[in-house]
C-alpha atoms as a PDB file:
ATOM      1  CA  MET A   1      35.201   2.606 -27.562  1.00  0.00           C
ATOM      2  CA  LYS A   2      32.653   4.902 -25.924  1.00  0.00           C
ATOM      3  CA  ALA A   3      29.217   5.061 -27.535  1.00  0.00           C
ATOM      4  CA  ASP A   4      26.559   7.732 -27.063  1.00  0.00           C
ATOM      5  CA  ARG A   5      23.811   5.114 -27.306  1.00  0.00           C
ATOM      6  CA  ILE A   6      23.629   1.298 -27.267  1.00  0.00           C
ATOM      7  CA  LEU A   7      21.255  -0.783 -29.389  1.00  0.00           C
ATOM      8  CA  ASP A   8      20.746  -4.404 -28.318  1.00  0.00           C
ATOM      9  CA  CYS A   9      19.999  -6.655 -31.295  1.00  0.00           C
ATOM     10  CA  VAL A  10      20.968  -9.976 -29.670  1.00  0.00           C
ATOM     11  CA  GLY A  11      18.682 -12.733 -30.912  1.00  0.00           C
ATOM     12  CA  LEU A  12      17.708 -10.827 -34.060  1.00  0.00           C
ATOM     13  CA  TYR A  13      18.741 -11.964 -37.514  1.00  0.00           C
ATOM     14  CA  CYS A  14      19.164 -10.284 -40.877  1.00  0.00           C
ATOM     15  CA  PRO A  15      17.753  -7.833 -41.737  1.00  0.00           C
ATOM     16  CA  MET A  16      16.472  -6.741 -38.313  1.00  0.00           C
ATOM     17  CA  PRO A  17      19.770  -5.414 -36.832  1.00  0.00           C
ATOM     18  CA  ILE A  18      20.139  -3.126 -39.866  1.00  0.00           C
ATOM     19  CA  VAL A  19      16.464  -2.099 -39.771  1.00  0.00           C
ATOM     20  CA  LYS A  20      16.730  -1.224 -36.068  1.00  0.00           C
ATOM     21  CA  THR A  21      20.070   0.571 -36.597  1.00  0.00           C
ATOM     22  CA  SER A  22      18.546   2.661 -39.380  1.00  0.00           C
ATOM     23  CA  LYS A  23      15.690   3.727 -37.092  1.00  0.00           C
ATOM     24  CA  GLU A  24      17.880   4.319 -34.016  1.00  0.00           C
ATOM     25  CA  ILE A  25      20.549   6.382 -35.782  1.00  0.00           C
ATOM     26  CA  LYS A  26      17.907   8.945 -36.739  1.00  0.00           C
ATOM     27  CA  GLU A  27      17.567   9.722 -33.020  1.00  0.00           C
ATOM     28  CA  LEU A  28      21.267  10.648 -32.702  1.00  0.00           C
ATOM     29  CA  ALA A  29      22.885  14.007 -33.373  1.00  0.00           C
ATOM     30  CA  ASP A  30      25.456  14.266 -36.161  1.00  0.00           C
ATOM     31  CA  GLY A  31      28.797  12.839 -35.070  1.00  0.00           C
ATOM     32  CA  GLU A  32      27.382  10.730 -32.223  1.00  0.00           C
ATOM     33  CA  ILE A  33      28.293   7.046 -31.970  1.00  0.00           C
ATOM     34  CA  LEU A  34      25.849   4.135 -31.827  1.00  0.00           C
ATOM     35  CA  GLU A  35      27.009   0.777 -30.488  1.00  0.00           C
ATOM     36  CA  VAL A  36      25.050  -2.123 -31.959  1.00  0.00           C
ATOM     37  CA  ILE A  37      25.312  -5.439 -30.109  1.00  0.00           C
ATOM     38  CA  ALA A  38      24.325  -8.510 -32.135  1.00  0.00           C
ATOM     39  CA  ASP A  39      24.994 -12.228 -32.218  1.00  0.00           C
ATOM     40  CA  ASP A  40      24.280 -12.695 -35.941  1.00  0.00           C
ATOM     41  CA  LYS A  41      27.601 -13.165 -37.795  1.00  0.00           C
ATOM     42  CA  GLY A  42      26.073 -11.479 -40.832  1.00  0.00           C
ATOM     43  CA  ILE A  43      26.444  -8.111 -39.131  1.00  0.00           C
ATOM     44  CA  LYS A  44      30.201  -8.232 -39.832  1.00  0.00           C
ATOM     45  CA  SER A  45      29.515  -7.722 -43.541  1.00  0.00           C
ATOM     46  CA  ASP A  46      26.044  -6.154 -43.425  1.00  0.00           C
ATOM     47  CA  MET A  47      26.888  -3.157 -41.238  1.00  0.00           C
ATOM     48  CA  PRO A  48      29.947  -1.932 -43.210  1.00  0.00           C
ATOM     49  CA  ALA A  49      27.908  -2.309 -46.432  1.00  0.00           C
ATOM     50  CA  TRP A  50      24.981  -0.365 -44.941  1.00  0.00           C
ATOM     51  CA  CYS A  51      27.332   2.352 -43.685  1.00  0.00           C
ATOM     52  CA  SER A  52      28.975   2.823 -47.071  1.00  0.00           C
ATOM     53  CA  LYS A  53      25.537   3.032 -48.705  1.00  0.00           C
ATOM     54  CA  THR A  54      24.130   5.550 -46.198  1.00  0.00           C
ATOM     55  CA  GLY A  55      27.244   7.646 -45.565  1.00  0.00           C
ATOM     56  CA  HIS A  56      27.582   6.762 -41.894  1.00  0.00           C
ATOM     57  CA  GLU A  57      30.997   5.610 -40.674  1.00  0.00           C
ATOM     58  CA  CYS A  58      31.642   2.095 -39.387  1.00  0.00           C
ATOM     59  CA  LEU A  59      34.316   2.723 -36.750  1.00  0.00           C
ATOM     60  CA  GLY A  60      34.959  -0.916 -35.956  1.00  0.00           C
ATOM     61  CA  ILE A  61      33.659  -4.303 -34.923  1.00  0.00           C
ATOM     62  CA  GLU A  62      34.727  -6.053 -31.732  1.00  0.00           C
ATOM     63  CA  GLU A  63      33.876  -9.696 -31.037  1.00  0.00           C
ATOM     64  CA  GLU A  64      33.377 -10.782 -27.445  1.00  0.00           C
ATOM     65  CA  ASP A  65      31.845 -14.034 -26.160  1.00  0.00           C
ATOM     66  CA  GLY A  66      29.963 -14.700 -29.410  1.00  0.00           C
ATOM     67  CA  GLU A  67      28.585 -11.174 -29.601  1.00  0.00           C
ATOM     68  CA  PHE A  68      29.582  -8.481 -32.057  1.00  0.00           C
ATOM     69  CA  HIS A  69      29.869  -4.876 -30.915  1.00  0.00           C
ATOM     70  CA  VAL A  70      29.643  -2.615 -33.945  1.00  0.00           C
ATOM     71  CA  PHE A  71      30.355   1.099 -33.626  1.00  0.00           C
ATOM     72  CA  VAL A  72      28.664   3.433 -36.103  1.00  0.00           C
ATOM     73  CA  LYS A  73      29.266   7.183 -36.253  1.00  0.00           C
ATOM     74  CA  LYS A  74      26.350   9.228 -37.605  1.00  0.00           C
ATOM     75  CA  LYS A  75      27.300  11.215 -40.675  1.00  0.00           C
ATOM     76  CA  GLY A  76      27.451  14.958 -40.484  1.00  0.00           C
END
């Protein structure tokens, strides 16, 4: 999946990937996609929950070499 911006959260643990995603997504235009890369397994449940609460769309989560690539589409 092609992202408009990539946010590296490797080495960060809950709640920092969500905190950083919340800040970063404000910099995107409506409809743009943010790819969040993290190695905290919690992101698999935290990000979809955050998206449903904020109205952004979780497009999918891909796991590769112990890292999770989460794709979030900004609402609007």
